[in-house]
Amino acid sequence: MAITAALVKELRDSTGAGMMDAKKALTETDGDMEAAVDWLRTKGLAKAAKKSGRTAAEGLVAVAVKDGKGIAVEVNSETDFVGKNSDFQKMVSGIAEIALTVDDVEALKAADMGGKSVEQTVTDAVAIIGENMSVRRMSVLSGDVIISYVHNAAVPGKMGNIGVLVAMTGGDEGLGKQIAMHIAAVNPAALSEDDMDAAVVEKEKQVQMDIARESGKPEAVIEKMIVGRMKKFVAESTLLSQAFVVNPDVTVGQAVADAGATITGFARLEVGEGIEVEKEDFAAEVAKLNG
């Protein structure tokens, strides 16, 4: 029987196996889909499919810097226990090194890692470790000086719960580390007001207007109130306007200027950020089973 691309895709979708493994399984079983699934299961290559529906919101963020380029990449697992696994850490470290050679997460997933793609390497690790895992996202930063910082480090300086990159001109590594630690702690939304998402600013403005209107004040007074509130919102949300955690008497922007430096960009990735984890109600599950 001819092994078509459609058959291979169907088997991949149902088992989570890699393309070459799916093709080999179909070839070995003469295109019999059920037999191919069994073949993959006996080889331990279909286990990943059983895990793929489970939420992976733990894991590690790894950072790497080379020749004026910095990357931060998030690799997720289901439990923080896996983040402490040396094999998982070794894989994440390898993925981070490869990330230095690409520009986005899709290219990273497709990149070669020891003879197979990064994505396939992770899929194979799922079958071995027994938890759903994925390469979720990455950030890339370029500049004259790139400083990296890892918070709650699992491997000092390389990977942990939060990864930060700072691009600078001027200054020194000590200042860069302080800025990176500030970013890890405060999580600014943007570098400056000009870099803020216009939709986020407009949404906050509408919220503040609705709050102000609840006071019953005239529209003219409300408009003046909003100007002050939005100025405060921008100051608290942008890195250069925030009070510097190292010295709250000055803003980050002022501290950097005083050091004769300029921040040209930053990136911050935190494990599981934005992932909704469905909480299981064990009592409800038992009730359903007995109902």
Protein backbone atom coordinates (compact mmCIF):
# COMPACT_ATOMS: atom_id res chain seq x y z
CA MET A 1 0.00 0.00 0.00
CA ALA A 2 1.28 3.49 -0.89
CA ILE A 3 2.29 5.51 2.16
CA THR A 4 0.90 8.98 1.44
CA ALA A 5 1.69 12.24 3.21
CA ALA A 6 -1.94 12.37 4.37
CA LEU A 7 -1.58 8.98 6.10
CA VAL A 8 1.64 10.07 7.79
CA LYS A 9 0.00 13.29 8.99
CA GLU A 10 -3.01 11.41 10.36
CA LEU A 11 -0.77 9.05 12.32
CA ARG A 12 1.35 11.94 13.62
CA ASP A 13 -1.75 13.83 14.77
CA SER A 14 -3.17 10.83 16.60
CA THR A 15 0.03 9.68 18.29
CA GLY A 16 2.32 12.68 18.56
CA ALA A 17 5.12 10.67 16.93
CA GLY A 18 7.70 12.32 14.67
CA MET A 19 7.29 12.35 10.91
CA MET A 20 9.99 9.79 10.18
CA ASP A 21 8.78 7.49 12.96
CA ALA A 22 5.20 7.71 11.66
CA LYS A 23 6.33 6.94 8.13
CA LYS A 24 8.40 3.99 9.30
CA ALA A 25 5.50 2.63 11.34
CA LEU A 26 3.19 2.77 8.31
CA THR A 27 5.81 1.15 6.12
CA GLU A 28 6.37 -1.65 8.63
CA THR A 29 2.61 -2.32 8.86
CA ASP A 30 1.80 -1.87 5.15
CA GLY A 31 -0.29 1.22 5.80
CA ASP A 32 -2.53 -0.33 8.45
CA MET A 33 -3.30 2.64 10.73
CA GLU A 34 -4.27 0.64 13.83
CA ALA A 35 -1.27 -1.64 13.49
CA ALA A 36 0.96 1.40 12.98
CA VAL A 37 -0.31 2.90 16.24
CA ASP A 38 0.46 -0.36 18.03
CA TRP A 39 3.91 -0.46 16.41
CA LEU A 40 4.65 3.03 17.72
CA ARG A 41 3.37 2.13 21.17
CA THR A 42 5.62 -0.91 21.36
CA LYS A 43 8.57 1.31 20.47
CA GLY A 44 7.58 3.85 23.11
CA LEU A 45 7.06 6.52 20.46
CA ALA A 46 3.34 7.09 20.97
CA LYS A 47 3.50 7.90 24.67
CA ALA A 48 3.83 11.61 23.96
CA ALA A 49 0.34 11.71 22.50
CA LYS A 50 -1.20 10.63 25.79
CA LYS A 51 0.57 13.51 27.54
CA SER A 52 -0.02 16.23 24.95
CA GLY A 53 -3.39 17.29 26.34
CA ARG A 54 -1.99 18.01 29.79
CA THR A 55 -1.05 21.55 30.74
CA ALA A 56 2.67 22.27 30.84
CA ALA A 57 3.03 25.44 32.92
CA GLU A 58 6.25 24.68 34.81
CA GLY A 59 9.76 24.22 33.45
CA LEU A 60 12.71 26.54 32.90
CA VAL A 61 13.75 29.72 31.14
CA ALA A 62 17.31 29.53 29.81
CA VAL A 63 19.46 32.46 28.69
CA ALA A 64 22.54 32.61 26.48
CA VAL A 65 24.65 35.45 25.11
CA LYS A 66 27.20 35.47 22.29
CA ASP A 67 28.70 38.14 20.02
CA GLY A 68 26.22 40.89 20.83
CA LYS A 69 23.17 38.62 20.65
CA GLY A 70 21.16 37.35 23.61
CA ILE A 71 18.33 34.85 23.78
CA ALA A 72 15.89 33.72 26.43
CA VAL A 73 13.91 30.55 25.74
CA GLU A 74 11.12 28.96 27.77
CA VAL A 75 10.79 25.18 27.81
CA ASN A 76 7.76 23.96 29.73
CA SER A 77 6.98 20.82 31.70
CA GLU A 78 4.02 19.79 33.82
CA THR A 79 5.74 19.90 37.20
CA ASP A 80 8.58 21.87 38.75
CA PHE A 81 10.10 18.53 39.72
CA VAL A 82 11.11 17.97 36.08
CA GLY A 83 12.82 21.37 36.10
CA LYS A 84 15.25 19.89 38.64
CA ASN A 85 15.94 16.85 36.46
CA SER A 86 19.53 16.92 35.15
CA ASP A 87 18.54 15.37 31.81
CA PHE A 88 15.85 18.03 31.31
CA GLN A 89 18.32 20.77 32.24
CA LYS A 90 20.89 19.39 29.80
CA MET A 91 18.29 19.38 27.02
CA VAL A 92 17.20 22.95 27.82
CA SER A 93 20.83 24.09 27.84
CA GLY A 94 21.35 22.55 24.40
CA ILE A 95 18.19 24.20 23.09
CA ALA A 96 19.40 27.58 24.36
CA GLU A 97 22.70 27.23 22.51
CA ILE A 98 20.86 26.38 19.30
CA ALA A 99 18.52 29.35 19.87
CA LEU A 100 21.53 31.66 19.40
CA THR A 101 21.62 30.57 15.74
CA VAL A 102 17.97 31.34 14.89
CA ASP A 103 15.60 34.31 15.10
CA ASP A 104 12.26 32.94 16.30
CA VAL A 105 10.69 30.01 18.12
CA GLU A 106 9.39 28.26 14.98
CA ALA A 107 12.86 28.24 13.47
CA LEU A 108 14.17 26.95 16.80
CA LYS A 109 11.72 24.05 16.84
CA ALA A 110 12.77 23.07 13.31
CA ALA A 111 16.52 23.47 13.97
CA ASP A 112 18.81 20.44 14.04
CA MET A 113 19.77 19.03 17.43
CA GLY A 114 21.98 16.00 17.18
CA GLY A 115 20.47 14.68 13.95
CA LYS A 116 16.81 15.48 14.63
CA SER A 117 14.78 18.62 15.15
CA VAL A 118 14.52 20.38 18.49
CA GLU A 119 10.79 19.68 18.47
CA GLN A 120 11.35 15.96 17.91
CA THR A 121 14.01 15.92 20.63
CA VAL A 122 11.48 17.33 23.08
CA THR A 123 8.84 14.82 21.94
CA ASP A 124 11.26 11.98 22.53
CA ALA A 125 12.00 13.37 26.00
CA VAL A 126 8.27 13.33 26.76
CA ALA A 127 8.22 9.59 26.13
CA ILE A 128 11.20 9.06 28.44
CA ILE A 129 10.39 11.44 31.30
CA GLY A 130 6.62 10.90 31.15
CA GLU A 131 5.42 14.52 31.24
CA ASN A 132 4.13 16.83 28.56
CA MET A 133 6.82 19.29 27.50
CA SER A 134 7.11 22.01 24.89
CA VAL A 135 9.32 24.81 23.62
CA ARG A 136 6.87 27.62 24.21
CA ARG A 137 8.55 30.91 23.25
CA MET A 138 11.81 32.78 22.93
CA SER A 139 13.05 36.36 22.93
CA VAL A 140 15.99 37.67 20.94
CA LEU A 141 17.94 40.84 21.73
CA SER A 142 20.90 42.45 19.98
CA GLY A 143 23.06 45.37 21.06
CA ASP A 144 26.51 46.71 21.88
CA VAL A 145 26.39 45.09 25.31
CA ILE A 146 23.98 42.30 26.30
CA ILE A 147 23.56 41.42 29.95
CA SER A 148 21.66 38.31 31.07
CA TYR A 149 20.24 37.47 34.47
CA VAL A 150 18.39 34.44 35.86
CA HIS A 151 16.14 34.63 38.92
CA ASN A 152 15.47 31.57 41.10
CA ALA A 153 18.27 29.83 39.22
CA ALA A 154 18.22 26.07 38.76
CA VAL A 155 21.62 26.37 37.09
CA PRO A 156 23.36 29.62 38.15
CA GLY A 157 23.60 32.15 35.34
CA LYS A 158 21.99 29.82 32.80
CA MET A 159 18.42 28.83 33.63
CA GLY A 160 15.72 29.34 36.21
CA ASN A 161 12.21 30.65 36.83
CA ILE A 162 12.74 34.08 35.24
CA GLY A 163 15.20 35.02 32.49
CA VAL A 164 16.07 38.64 31.68
CA LEU A 165 18.11 40.23 28.89
CA VAL A 166 19.21 43.88 28.80
CA ALA A 167 20.74 45.61 25.76
CA MET A 168 22.89 48.66 26.55
CA THR A 169 25.38 51.10 25.16
CA GLY A 170 27.92 52.37 27.68
CA GLY A 171 27.80 51.52 31.35
CA ASP A 172 29.26 48.33 32.78
CA GLU A 173 28.19 44.80 33.64
CA GLY A 174 27.47 45.74 37.25
CA LEU A 175 24.91 48.35 36.20
CA GLY A 176 23.46 45.95 33.65
CA LYS A 177 22.96 43.28 36.31
CA GLN A 178 21.20 45.77 38.57
CA ILE A 179 18.88 46.79 35.73
CA ALA A 180 18.20 43.14 34.92
CA MET A 181 17.37 42.38 38.56
CA HIS A 182 15.01 45.38 38.61
CA ILE A 183 13.25 44.06 35.49
CA ALA A 184 12.93 40.58 37.04
CA ALA A 185 11.36 42.05 40.18
CA VAL A 186 9.13 44.81 38.77
CA ASN A 187 8.22 43.40 35.32
CA PRO A 188 7.86 46.65 33.31
CA ALA A 189 5.47 46.58 30.36
CA ALA A 190 7.73 48.57 28.03
CA LEU A 191 11.00 50.51 27.85
CA SER A 192 9.38 53.94 27.52
CA GLU A 193 6.01 55.56 26.84
CA ASP A 194 6.71 55.47 23.09
CA ASP A 195 7.10 51.68 23.27
CA MET A 196 3.83 51.00 25.09
CA ASP A 197 1.03 49.09 23.40
CA ALA A 198 -1.53 51.71 22.38
CA ALA A 199 -4.38 49.26 23.01
CA VAL A 200 -3.20 48.68 26.60
CA VAL A 201 -2.97 52.42 27.23
CA GLU A 202 -6.43 53.05 25.79
CA LYS A 203 -7.96 50.23 27.82
CA GLU A 204 -6.47 51.62 31.03
CA LYS A 205 -7.74 55.09 30.13
CA GLN A 206 -11.28 53.80 29.69
CA VAL A 207 -11.10 51.95 33.00
CA GLN A 208 -9.92 55.07 34.79
CA MET A 209 -12.65 57.17 33.16
CA ASP A 210 -15.32 54.69 34.26
CA ILE A 211 -13.94 54.77 37.82
CA ALA A 212 -13.88 58.57 37.81
CA ARG A 213 -17.44 58.83 36.49
CA GLU A 214 -18.64 56.76 39.43
CA SER A 215 -17.70 59.73 41.59
CA GLY A 216 -20.35 61.83 39.87
CA LYS A 217 -17.93 64.66 39.05
CA PRO A 218 -18.39 66.80 35.92
CA GLU A 219 -16.73 65.64 32.68
CA ALA A 220 -14.34 68.61 32.67
CA VAL A 221 -13.04 67.62 36.11
CA ILE A 222 -12.85 63.95 35.10
CA GLU A 223 -10.69 64.78 32.08
CA LYS A 224 -8.18 66.57 34.31
CA MET A 225 -8.21 63.64 36.74
CA ILE A 226 -7.49 61.21 33.92
CA VAL A 227 -4.44 63.14 32.76
CA GLY A 228 -2.81 62.69 36.16
CA ARG A 229 -3.85 59.06 36.52
CA MET A 230 -2.53 58.12 33.08
CA LYS A 231 0.74 59.89 33.74
CA LYS A 232 1.12 57.79 36.88
CA PHE A 233 0.14 54.60 34.99
CA VAL A 234 2.77 55.20 32.32
CA ALA A 235 5.44 56.01 34.91
CA GLU A 236 4.73 52.80 36.82
CA SER A 237 4.58 50.67 33.65
CA THR A 238 7.70 51.80 31.77
CA LEU A 239 11.22 50.78 32.74
CA LEU A 240 12.92 54.16 32.31
CA SER A 241 10.27 55.95 34.42
CA GLN A 242 10.12 53.44 37.27
CA ALA A 243 11.74 54.11 40.64
CA PHE A 244 14.99 52.14 40.61
CA VAL A 245 14.81 49.27 43.12
CA VAL A 246 18.50 49.75 43.97
CA ASN A 247 17.93 53.45 44.72
CA PRO A 248 14.23 54.44 44.80
CA ASP A 249 15.19 58.14 44.96
CA VAL A 250 15.96 58.08 41.22
CA THR A 251 14.28 56.54 38.18
CA VAL A 252 15.95 53.80 36.18
CA GLY A 253 16.34 56.27 33.32
CA GLN A 254 18.14 58.79 35.55
CA ALA A 255 20.44 56.13 37.03
CA VAL A 256 21.41 54.94 33.57
CA ALA A 257 21.98 58.48 32.30
CA ASP A 258 24.15 59.30 35.33
CA ALA A 259 26.31 56.29 34.42
CA GLY A 260 26.70 57.55 30.86
CA ALA A 261 24.75 54.60 29.48
CA THR A 262 21.63 54.00 27.40
CA ILE A 263 19.24 51.06 27.55
CA THR A 264 18.25 50.11 24.00
CA GLY A 265 16.00 47.16 24.83
CA PHE A 266 15.10 44.41 27.28
CA ALA A 267 13.31 41.09 27.43
CA ARG A 268 11.80 39.18 30.34
CA LEU A 269 10.40 35.65 30.29
CA GLU A 270 8.83 34.00 33.31
CA VAL A 271 7.95 30.32 33.38
CA GLY A 272 4.24 29.71 32.84
CA GLU A 273 3.39 33.39 32.43
CA GLY A 274 -0.04 33.72 30.82
CA ILE A 275 -0.82 29.98 30.87
CA GLU A 276 -4.16 29.10 32.40
CA VAL A 277 -3.91 25.97 34.49
CA GLU A 278 -7.14 24.06 35.00
CA LYS A 279 -7.43 23.09 38.64
CA GLU A 280 -8.81 19.63 39.21
CA ASP A 281 -11.56 19.23 41.79
CA PHE A 282 -10.81 15.76 43.10
CA ALA A 283 -14.01 15.56 45.16
CA ALA A 284 -16.08 16.46 42.11
CA GLU A 285 -14.31 13.80 40.05
CA VAL A 286 -15.06 11.14 42.66
CA ALA A 287 -18.70 12.27 42.81
CA LYS A 288 -19.02 11.89 39.04
CA LEU A 289 -17.58 8.40 39.13
CA ASN A 290 -20.03 7.37 41.85
CA GLY A 291 -22.97 9.18 40.30
